[in-house]
Structures are given as structure tokens and as C-alpha cells.
Amino acid sequence: MIIKLSHSHWPIEDEAINEHAFDMLERYFLMRYHPRKMVFDTVGAIWGIYFLWMQNWVAALTIVLVMELGGLYFTRNIIPELIAQTTLGKIGLLHTHPYNLALNIIGIIPFFYGLWTHSIEMTLVGLSIIIWGHFYGWSKVHSKLRIL
């Protein structure tokens, strides 16, 4: 743990990022939480949800894949060590916690099923599971957010 002073002279805590080798999953989430990629993901999610609601899975899959590839293209040259030092990068890394990742993947199933069948309850169940996943991993954002 390294203590640095920011420009406003408030002490901030920062992990020694240079000592950490990022695996593929961590690199992916660091790319996902770059603002450019977040714009692509948001547009893809909006249209993907619309097309799933209209029961057009081909259009939903197409728009999500196009937006995913576009976002990856525009973030292909990021430096993971630099992004990991930002708040967005740290929030991206919390998604690599095993419980967070597992609950997000599990929650996608009832969420998509609820959209497809127009079941608001099932959609809410899926979203609830996804949101519960975010209970885990906050120590990657800041050590003081660690849950005992």
C-alpha cells in the first residue's frame, strides 16, 4: 500500500499497480469501464433490451455484438495499469470478484427470459440477482470498503 498526496493535499490510498499483472478477465473489465466502452455498452443494452422485448433475438444479438466490437475497437490501446488507477477502473475490477461475477452471470438468465416473455416479475428477479452480485468486490475499489 502506497500513500500519495493528491493535488488537493488529501491523502489517498493507492495500490502498487505496477506490481500487479492483470489477467485477461481483469483486462476485459478495465476496458469495459473505460468511458468510451461504457457508451457503446449503454447503447447496445438499450437497443438489445428493446429487441428482446419485441422477441427479435437476432436483432438483439446483432446490435449487442456490434456495440461490443465497436467498444473494444475504440479501447483496444488502453494501458490497463493507468485505467486501474482510476475510480472507474477500480469499479470495473470489483466485477472480477468470483461471487460478483457468478451472480451477474446467473442473473442474466431470468433477466433475459423476463424480457422475452414480458414478465416484469422475472425481469426484476434477474435484475435483483445482478444487483446483489455488486455486494462483493468493493475492497478492490478501496481497502476501507472491505466487508468482514
N, C-alpha and C. Protein backbone atom coordinates (compact mmCIF):
# COMPACT_ATOMS: atom_id res chain seq x y z
N MET A 1 0.85 -1.17 0.00
CA MET A 1 0.00 0.00 0.00
C MET A 1 0.90 1.23 0.00
N ILE A 2 0.60 2.15 -0.90
CA ILE A 2 1.37 3.37 -1.03
C ILE A 2 0.44 4.54 -0.72
N ILE A 3 0.90 5.45 0.09
CA ILE A 3 0.12 6.65 0.40
C ILE A 3 0.69 7.79 -0.43
N LYS A 4 -0.18 8.46 -1.19
CA LYS A 4 0.22 9.60 -2.01
C LYS A 4 -0.63 10.79 -1.64
N LEU A 5 -0.17 11.96 -1.97
CA LEU A 5 -0.97 13.15 -1.79
C LEU A 5 -1.48 13.59 -3.15
N SER A 6 -2.75 13.88 -3.21
CA SER A 6 -3.32 14.37 -4.46
C SER A 6 -3.01 15.86 -4.57
N HIS A 7 -3.45 16.46 -5.65
CA HIS A 7 -3.21 17.88 -5.86
C HIS A 7 -3.89 18.73 -4.79
N SER A 8 -4.97 18.22 -4.23
CA SER A 8 -5.67 18.98 -3.20
C SER A 8 -5.12 18.66 -1.80
N HIS A 9 -4.04 17.90 -1.74
CA HIS A 9 -3.36 17.54 -0.49
C HIS A 9 -4.19 16.66 0.43
N TRP A 10 -5.19 15.98 -0.11
CA TRP A 10 -5.92 14.99 0.66
C TRP A 10 -5.20 13.67 0.48
N PRO A 11 -4.96 12.93 1.55
CA PRO A 11 -4.30 11.64 1.38
C PRO A 11 -5.23 10.65 0.68
N ILE A 12 -4.71 9.96 -0.30
CA ILE A 12 -5.47 8.92 -0.97
C ILE A 12 -4.67 7.64 -0.92
N GLU A 13 -5.37 6.54 -0.92
CA GLU A 13 -4.73 5.24 -0.87
C GLU A 13 -4.71 4.67 -2.27
N ASP A 14 -3.58 4.11 -2.65
CA ASP A 14 -3.47 3.57 -3.99
C ASP A 14 -2.66 2.28 -3.92
N GLU A 15 -3.12 1.27 -4.63
CA GLU A 15 -2.42 0.00 -4.70
C GLU A 15 -1.20 0.17 -5.58
N ALA A 16 -0.14 -0.55 -5.30
CA ALA A 16 1.04 -0.51 -6.16
C ALA A 16 0.69 -1.27 -7.44
N ILE A 17 0.14 -0.54 -8.40
CA ILE A 17 -0.41 -1.13 -9.61
C ILE A 17 0.68 -1.81 -10.44
N ASN A 18 1.86 -1.23 -10.48
CA ASN A 18 2.92 -1.78 -11.33
C ASN A 18 3.34 -3.18 -10.93
N GLU A 19 3.04 -3.58 -9.69
CA GLU A 19 3.41 -4.91 -9.22
C GLU A 19 2.38 -5.97 -9.59
N HIS A 20 1.25 -5.56 -10.16
CA HIS A 20 0.16 -6.47 -10.46
C HIS A 20 0.11 -6.76 -11.95
N ALA A 21 0.14 -8.04 -12.30
CA ALA A 21 -0.04 -8.44 -13.70
C ALA A 21 -1.51 -8.77 -13.89
N PHE A 22 -2.17 -8.08 -14.79
CA PHE A 22 -3.60 -8.27 -14.99
C PHE A 22 -3.86 -9.48 -15.86
N ASP A 23 -4.80 -10.34 -15.43
CA ASP A 23 -5.19 -11.47 -16.27
C ASP A 23 -6.19 -10.98 -17.32
N MET A 24 -6.61 -11.88 -18.21
CA MET A 24 -7.48 -11.50 -19.31
C MET A 24 -8.83 -10.95 -18.83
N LEU A 25 -9.39 -11.56 -17.80
CA LEU A 25 -10.67 -11.09 -17.27
C LEU A 25 -10.54 -9.68 -16.71
N GLU A 26 -9.48 -9.42 -15.96
CA GLU A 26 -9.27 -8.09 -15.40
C GLU A 26 -9.07 -7.06 -16.52
N ARG A 27 -8.30 -7.42 -17.54
CA ARG A 27 -8.09 -6.51 -18.67
C ARG A 27 -9.42 -6.20 -19.37
N TYR A 28 -10.26 -7.22 -19.53
CA TYR A 28 -11.56 -7.02 -20.17
C TYR A 28 -12.41 -6.04 -19.36
N PHE A 29 -12.48 -6.22 -18.04
CA PHE A 29 -13.30 -5.32 -17.23
C PHE A 29 -12.70 -3.92 -17.17
N LEU A 30 -11.39 -3.81 -17.23
CA LEU A 30 -10.79 -2.47 -17.29
C LEU A 30 -11.17 -1.78 -18.60
N MET A 31 -11.23 -2.54 -19.70
CA MET A 31 -11.67 -1.97 -20.97
C MET A 31 -13.15 -1.59 -20.89
N ARG A 32 -13.97 -2.46 -20.27
CA ARG A 32 -15.42 -2.20 -20.17
C ARG A 32 -15.73 -0.94 -19.40
N TYR A 33 -14.88 -0.58 -18.46
CA TYR A 33 -15.14 0.59 -17.64
C TYR A 33 -14.39 1.83 -18.11
N HIS A 34 -13.89 1.78 -19.32
CA HIS A 34 -13.39 2.99 -19.97
C HIS A 34 -14.62 3.74 -20.46
N PRO A 35 -14.68 5.06 -20.33
CA PRO A 35 -15.89 5.80 -20.73
C PRO A 35 -16.34 5.54 -22.17
N ARG A 36 -15.44 5.38 -23.10
CA ARG A 36 -15.84 5.11 -24.48
C ARG A 36 -16.57 3.78 -24.59
N LYS A 37 -16.05 2.77 -23.92
CA LYS A 37 -16.69 1.44 -23.96
C LYS A 37 -18.04 1.48 -23.26
N MET A 38 -18.13 2.26 -22.19
CA MET A 38 -19.39 2.36 -21.47
C MET A 38 -20.48 2.97 -22.34
N VAL A 39 -20.12 3.91 -23.21
CA VAL A 39 -21.09 4.50 -24.13
C VAL A 39 -21.59 3.42 -25.10
N PHE A 40 -20.68 2.66 -25.67
CA PHE A 40 -21.08 1.58 -26.59
C PHE A 40 -21.95 0.55 -25.88
N ASP A 41 -21.56 0.16 -24.67
CA ASP A 41 -22.33 -0.83 -23.91
C ASP A 41 -23.73 -0.33 -23.58
N THR A 42 -23.85 0.94 -23.23
CA THR A 42 -25.15 1.51 -22.89
C THR A 42 -26.08 1.52 -24.11
N VAL A 43 -25.56 1.97 -25.26
CA VAL A 43 -26.37 1.98 -26.48
C VAL A 43 -26.77 0.54 -26.84
N GLY A 44 -25.82 -0.40 -26.75
CA GLY A 44 -26.12 -1.80 -27.05
C GLY A 44 -27.17 -2.38 -26.11
N ALA A 45 -27.08 -2.02 -24.82
CA ALA A 45 -28.05 -2.52 -23.84
C ALA A 45 -29.45 -1.96 -24.11
N ILE A 46 -29.53 -0.69 -24.41
CA ILE A 46 -30.84 -0.08 -24.67
C ILE A 46 -31.52 -0.76 -25.84
N TRP A 47 -30.81 -0.88 -26.96
CA TRP A 47 -31.41 -1.49 -28.15
C TRP A 47 -31.58 -2.99 -27.98
N GLY A 48 -30.64 -3.65 -27.29
CA GLY A 48 -30.77 -5.08 -27.04
C GLY A 48 -32.00 -5.40 -26.22
N ILE A 49 -32.24 -4.61 -25.18
CA ILE A 49 -33.44 -4.80 -24.36
C ILE A 49 -34.70 -4.58 -25.18
N TYR A 50 -34.71 -3.54 -25.99
CA TYR A 50 -35.86 -3.28 -26.84
C TYR A 50 -36.15 -4.47 -27.77
N PHE A 51 -35.11 -4.95 -28.44
CA PHE A 51 -35.32 -6.05 -29.40
C PHE A 51 -35.70 -7.35 -28.70
N LEU A 52 -35.17 -7.61 -27.50
CA LEU A 52 -35.60 -8.80 -26.75
C LEU A 52 -37.07 -8.67 -26.36
N TRP A 53 -37.48 -7.48 -25.94
CA TRP A 53 -38.88 -7.27 -25.58
C TRP A 53 -39.78 -7.51 -26.78
N MET A 54 -39.29 -7.14 -27.97
CA MET A 54 -40.05 -7.34 -29.20
C MET A 54 -39.89 -8.78 -29.73
N GLN A 55 -39.17 -9.61 -28.99
CA GLN A 55 -38.89 -11.02 -29.31
C GLN A 55 -38.15 -11.19 -30.64
N ASN A 56 -37.23 -10.30 -30.88
CA ASN A 56 -36.37 -10.36 -32.06
C ASN A 56 -34.95 -10.60 -31.57
N TRP A 57 -34.63 -11.88 -31.28
CA TRP A 57 -33.33 -12.20 -30.71
C TRP A 57 -32.20 -11.99 -31.71
N VAL A 58 -32.45 -12.10 -33.00
CA VAL A 58 -31.40 -11.88 -34.00
C VAL A 58 -30.95 -10.42 -33.96
N ALA A 59 -31.91 -9.50 -33.97
CA ALA A 59 -31.57 -8.08 -33.92
C ALA A 59 -30.89 -7.74 -32.58
N ALA A 60 -31.39 -8.31 -31.49
CA ALA A 60 -30.80 -8.05 -30.18
C ALA A 60 -29.35 -8.52 -30.14
N LEU A 61 -29.11 -9.73 -30.58
CA LEU A 61 -27.75 -10.27 -30.59
C LEU A 61 -26.85 -9.47 -31.53
N THR A 62 -27.37 -9.09 -32.68
CA THR A 62 -26.59 -8.33 -33.65
C THR A 62 -26.16 -6.98 -33.08
N ILE A 63 -27.11 -6.23 -32.52
CA ILE A 63 -26.78 -4.90 -32.00
C ILE A 63 -25.81 -5.00 -30.83
N VAL A 64 -26.00 -5.99 -29.96
CA VAL A 64 -25.10 -6.15 -28.81
C VAL A 64 -23.69 -6.51 -29.29
N LEU A 65 -23.59 -7.41 -30.26
CA LEU A 65 -22.27 -7.78 -30.78
C LEU A 65 -21.59 -6.62 -31.50
N VAL A 66 -22.34 -5.87 -32.29
CA VAL A 66 -21.77 -4.72 -32.99
C VAL A 66 -21.27 -3.68 -31.99
N MET A 67 -22.06 -3.40 -30.98
CA MET A 67 -21.65 -2.42 -29.96
C MET A 67 -20.47 -2.94 -29.14
N GLU A 68 -20.45 -4.23 -28.84
CA GLU A 68 -19.33 -4.83 -28.10
C GLU A 68 -18.04 -4.69 -28.90
N LEU A 69 -18.09 -5.07 -30.17
CA LEU A 69 -16.90 -4.98 -31.02
C LEU A 69 -16.47 -3.54 -31.23
N GLY A 70 -17.43 -2.64 -31.42
CA GLY A 70 -17.10 -1.22 -31.57
C GLY A 70 -16.42 -0.67 -30.32
N GLY A 71 -16.97 -1.00 -29.17
CA GLY A 71 -16.37 -0.55 -27.91
C GLY A 71 -14.99 -1.12 -27.70
N LEU A 72 -14.80 -2.39 -28.03
CA LEU A 72 -13.47 -2.99 -27.90
C LEU A 72 -12.47 -2.35 -28.87
N TYR A 73 -12.95 -2.02 -30.06
CA TYR A 73 -12.07 -1.38 -31.04
C TYR A 73 -11.58 -0.03 -30.53
N PHE A 74 -12.48 0.76 -29.97
CA PHE A 74 -12.11 2.10 -29.52
C PHE A 74 -11.37 2.11 -28.18
N THR A 75 -11.27 0.97 -27.53
CA THR A 75 -10.50 0.90 -26.28
C THR A 75 -9.34 -0.09 -26.39
N ARG A 76 -9.02 -0.51 -27.58
CA ARG A 76 -8.01 -1.54 -27.78
C ARG A 76 -6.61 -1.12 -27.32
N ASN A 77 -6.32 0.16 -27.27
CA ASN A 77 -4.97 0.61 -26.93
C ASN A 77 -4.85 1.18 -25.52
N ILE A 78 -5.82 0.87 -24.66
CA ILE A 78 -5.72 1.40 -23.29
C ILE A 78 -4.55 0.73 -22.58
N ILE A 79 -4.05 1.40 -21.58
CA ILE A 79 -2.99 0.85 -20.73
C ILE A 79 -3.67 0.44 -19.42
N PRO A 80 -3.80 -0.89 -19.20
CA PRO A 80 -4.55 -1.36 -18.03
C PRO A 80 -4.06 -0.77 -16.71
N GLU A 81 -2.77 -0.59 -16.55
CA GLU A 81 -2.23 -0.06 -15.30
C GLU A 81 -2.74 1.35 -15.01
N LEU A 82 -2.91 2.14 -16.07
CA LEU A 82 -3.40 3.51 -15.89
C LEU A 82 -4.90 3.53 -15.60
N ILE A 83 -5.66 2.73 -16.33
CA ILE A 83 -7.11 2.67 -16.11
C ILE A 83 -7.40 2.12 -14.71
N ALA A 84 -6.60 1.15 -14.25
CA ALA A 84 -6.82 0.54 -12.94
C ALA A 84 -6.64 1.54 -11.80
N GLN A 85 -5.97 2.64 -12.05
CA GLN A 85 -5.77 3.65 -11.01
C GLN A 85 -6.93 4.62 -10.92
N THR A 86 -7.84 4.59 -11.89
CA THR A 86 -8.99 5.49 -11.87
C THR A 86 -10.14 4.86 -11.07
N THR A 87 -11.07 5.69 -10.66
CA THR A 87 -12.23 5.17 -9.93
C THR A 87 -13.03 4.21 -10.81
N LEU A 88 -13.25 4.58 -12.08
CA LEU A 88 -13.99 3.68 -12.96
C LEU A 88 -13.27 2.35 -13.14
N GLY A 89 -11.95 2.40 -13.27
CA GLY A 89 -11.17 1.16 -13.41
C GLY A 89 -11.29 0.28 -12.17
N LYS A 90 -11.24 0.89 -11.01
CA LYS A 90 -11.38 0.13 -9.77
C LYS A 90 -12.77 -0.48 -9.65
N ILE A 91 -13.79 0.28 -10.07
CA ILE A 91 -15.16 -0.26 -10.05
C ILE A 91 -15.27 -1.41 -11.04
N GLY A 92 -14.60 -1.30 -12.18
CA GLY A 92 -14.58 -2.40 -13.15
C GLY A 92 -13.97 -3.66 -12.55
N LEU A 93 -12.89 -3.48 -11.80
CA LEU A 93 -12.21 -4.64 -11.20
C LEU A 93 -13.05 -5.33 -10.14
N LEU A 94 -13.97 -4.62 -9.49
CA LEU A 94 -14.81 -5.28 -8.48
C LEU A 94 -15.68 -6.36 -9.11
N HIS A 95 -15.93 -6.24 -10.42
CA HIS A 95 -16.74 -7.24 -11.12
C HIS A 95 -16.00 -8.55 -11.34
N THR A 96 -14.69 -8.57 -11.07
CA THR A 96 -13.93 -9.81 -11.22
C THR A 96 -13.97 -10.67 -9.96
N HIS A 97 -14.57 -10.16 -8.89
CA HIS A 97 -14.72 -10.97 -7.67
C HIS A 97 -15.58 -12.19 -8.04
N PRO A 98 -15.19 -13.40 -7.63
CA PRO A 98 -15.93 -14.60 -8.05
C PRO A 98 -17.43 -14.58 -7.77
N TYR A 99 -17.84 -14.11 -6.59
CA TYR A 99 -19.27 -14.08 -6.27
C TYR A 99 -19.99 -13.03 -7.12
N ASN A 100 -19.36 -11.88 -7.30
CA ASN A 100 -19.94 -10.83 -8.12
C ASN A 100 -20.14 -11.33 -9.55
N LEU A 101 -19.11 -11.92 -10.11
CA LEU A 101 -19.17 -12.43 -11.47
C LEU A 101 -20.22 -13.53 -11.61
N ALA A 102 -20.25 -14.46 -10.65
CA ALA A 102 -21.20 -15.58 -10.71
C ALA A 102 -22.64 -15.08 -10.63
N LEU A 103 -22.93 -14.17 -9.70
CA LEU A 103 -24.30 -13.66 -9.56
C LEU A 103 -24.71 -12.84 -10.78
N ASN A 104 -23.78 -12.13 -11.38
CA ASN A 104 -24.09 -11.38 -12.60
C ASN A 104 -24.45 -12.34 -13.74
N ILE A 105 -23.71 -13.41 -13.88
CA ILE A 105 -23.99 -14.38 -14.94
C ILE A 105 -25.30 -15.11 -14.68
N ILE A 106 -25.53 -15.52 -13.43
CA ILE A 106 -26.77 -16.22 -13.07
C ILE A 106 -27.97 -15.30 -13.28
N GLY A 107 -27.86 -14.04 -12.90
CA GLY A 107 -28.97 -13.10 -13.01
C GLY A 107 -29.36 -12.76 -14.43
N ILE A 108 -28.43 -12.91 -15.35
CA ILE A 108 -28.72 -12.60 -16.77
C ILE A 108 -29.81 -13.54 -17.31
N ILE A 109 -29.82 -14.79 -16.84
CA ILE A 109 -30.76 -15.78 -17.38
C ILE A 109 -32.22 -15.38 -17.10
N PRO A 110 -32.61 -15.16 -15.83
CA PRO A 110 -34.00 -14.74 -15.61
C PRO A 110 -34.29 -13.34 -16.18
N PHE A 111 -33.28 -12.48 -16.23
CA PHE A 111 -33.47 -11.15 -16.79
C PHE A 111 -33.86 -11.25 -18.27
N PHE A 112 -33.06 -11.98 -19.06
CA PHE A 112 -33.37 -12.14 -20.48
C PHE A 112 -34.68 -12.89 -20.70
N TYR A 113 -34.92 -13.92 -19.89
CA TYR A 113 -36.17 -14.68 -20.01
C TYR A 113 -37.37 -13.76 -19.72
N GLY A 114 -37.24 -12.92 -18.70
CA GLY A 114 -38.32 -11.99 -18.36
C GLY A 114 -38.59 -10.99 -19.47
N LEU A 115 -37.53 -10.51 -20.11
CA LEU A 115 -37.73 -9.60 -21.25
C LEU A 115 -38.44 -10.32 -22.39
N TRP A 116 -37.99 -11.54 -22.68
CA TRP A 116 -38.54 -12.29 -23.80
C TRP A 116 -40.03 -12.61 -23.60
N THR A 117 -40.38 -12.98 -22.36
CA THR A 117 -41.77 -13.38 -22.08
C THR A 117 -42.64 -12.23 -21.57
N HIS A 118 -42.08 -11.04 -21.49
CA HIS A 118 -42.78 -9.86 -20.98
C HIS A 118 -43.18 -10.03 -19.53
N SER A 119 -42.40 -10.78 -18.78
CA SER A 119 -42.67 -10.99 -17.37
C SER A 119 -41.87 -9.97 -16.55
N ILE A 120 -42.57 -8.96 -16.08
CA ILE A 120 -41.91 -7.93 -15.28
C ILE A 120 -41.30 -8.55 -14.03
N GLU A 121 -42.02 -9.49 -13.41
CA GLU A 121 -41.53 -10.13 -12.19
C GLU A 121 -40.21 -10.87 -12.44
N MET A 122 -40.14 -11.64 -13.54
CA MET A 122 -38.92 -12.39 -13.84
C MET A 122 -37.77 -11.43 -14.19
N THR A 123 -38.09 -10.36 -14.89
CA THR A 123 -37.08 -9.35 -15.20
C THR A 123 -36.53 -8.75 -13.92
N LEU A 124 -37.41 -8.46 -12.96
CA LEU A 124 -36.98 -7.91 -11.68
C LEU A 124 -36.17 -8.91 -10.86
N VAL A 125 -36.53 -10.19 -10.92
CA VAL A 125 -35.74 -11.23 -10.24
C VAL A 125 -34.32 -11.23 -10.80
N GLY A 126 -34.20 -11.21 -12.13
CA GLY A 126 -32.88 -11.20 -12.76
C GLY A 126 -32.08 -9.97 -12.37
N LEU A 127 -32.71 -8.81 -12.43
CA LEU A 127 -32.01 -7.57 -12.05
C LEU A 127 -31.61 -7.61 -10.58
N SER A 128 -32.47 -8.16 -9.73
CA SER A 128 -32.15 -8.24 -8.30
C SER A 128 -30.93 -9.12 -8.06
N ILE A 129 -30.85 -10.25 -8.75
CA ILE A 129 -29.69 -11.13 -8.60
C ILE A 129 -28.43 -10.41 -9.07
N ILE A 130 -28.53 -9.73 -10.20
CA ILE A 130 -27.37 -8.99 -10.73
C ILE A 130 -26.92 -7.92 -9.74
N ILE A 131 -27.87 -7.19 -9.19
CA ILE A 131 -27.52 -6.12 -8.25
C ILE A 131 -26.94 -6.70 -6.97
N TRP A 132 -27.47 -7.84 -6.49
CA TRP A 132 -26.90 -8.49 -5.30
C TRP A 132 -25.45 -8.89 -5.51
N GLY A 133 -25.09 -9.19 -6.76
CA GLY A 133 -23.69 -9.51 -7.06
C GLY A 133 -22.75 -8.37 -6.73
N HIS A 134 -23.26 -7.16 -6.81
CA HIS A 134 -22.43 -6.00 -6.54
C HIS A 134 -22.17 -5.78 -5.05
N PHE A 135 -22.67 -6.68 -4.24
CA PHE A 135 -22.37 -6.67 -2.81
C PHE A 135 -20.90 -7.06 -2.57
N TYR A 136 -20.31 -7.76 -3.52
CA TYR A 136 -18.97 -8.32 -3.37
C TYR A 136 -17.95 -7.59 -4.24
N GLY A 137 -16.73 -7.49 -3.73
CA GLY A 137 -15.62 -6.99 -4.50
C GLY A 137 -15.22 -5.55 -4.23
N TRP A 138 -15.89 -4.89 -3.31
CA TRP A 138 -15.63 -3.47 -3.09
C TRP A 138 -14.25 -3.20 -2.51
N SER A 139 -13.61 -4.20 -1.94
CA SER A 139 -12.25 -3.99 -1.42
C SER A 139 -11.28 -3.69 -2.55
N LYS A 140 -11.65 -4.05 -3.79
CA LYS A 140 -10.80 -3.73 -4.94
C LYS A 140 -10.89 -2.25 -5.30
N VAL A 141 -11.97 -1.60 -4.86
CA VAL A 141 -12.12 -0.17 -5.10
C VAL A 141 -11.33 0.59 -4.02
N HIS A 142 -11.48 0.18 -2.76
CA HIS A 142 -10.74 0.80 -1.68
C HIS A 142 -10.73 -0.18 -0.50
N SER A 143 -9.61 -0.29 0.16
CA SER A 143 -9.47 -1.27 1.26
C SER A 143 -10.46 -0.99 2.40
N LYS A 144 -10.87 0.26 2.59
CA LYS A 144 -11.80 0.59 3.66
C LYS A 144 -13.22 0.12 3.36
N LEU A 145 -13.48 -0.32 2.14
CA LEU A 145 -14.79 -0.84 1.77
C LEU A 145 -14.88 -2.36 1.94
N ARG A 146 -13.83 -2.96 2.46
CA ARG A 146 -13.80 -4.40 2.69
C ARG A 146 -14.87 -4.80 3.69
N ILE A 147 -15.57 -5.89 3.37
CA ILE A 147 -16.60 -6.41 4.26
C ILE A 147 -16.00 -7.57 5.01
N LEU A 148 -16.16 -7.57 6.31
CA LEU A 148 -15.59 -8.65 7.14
C LEU A 148 -16.39 -9.90 7.07
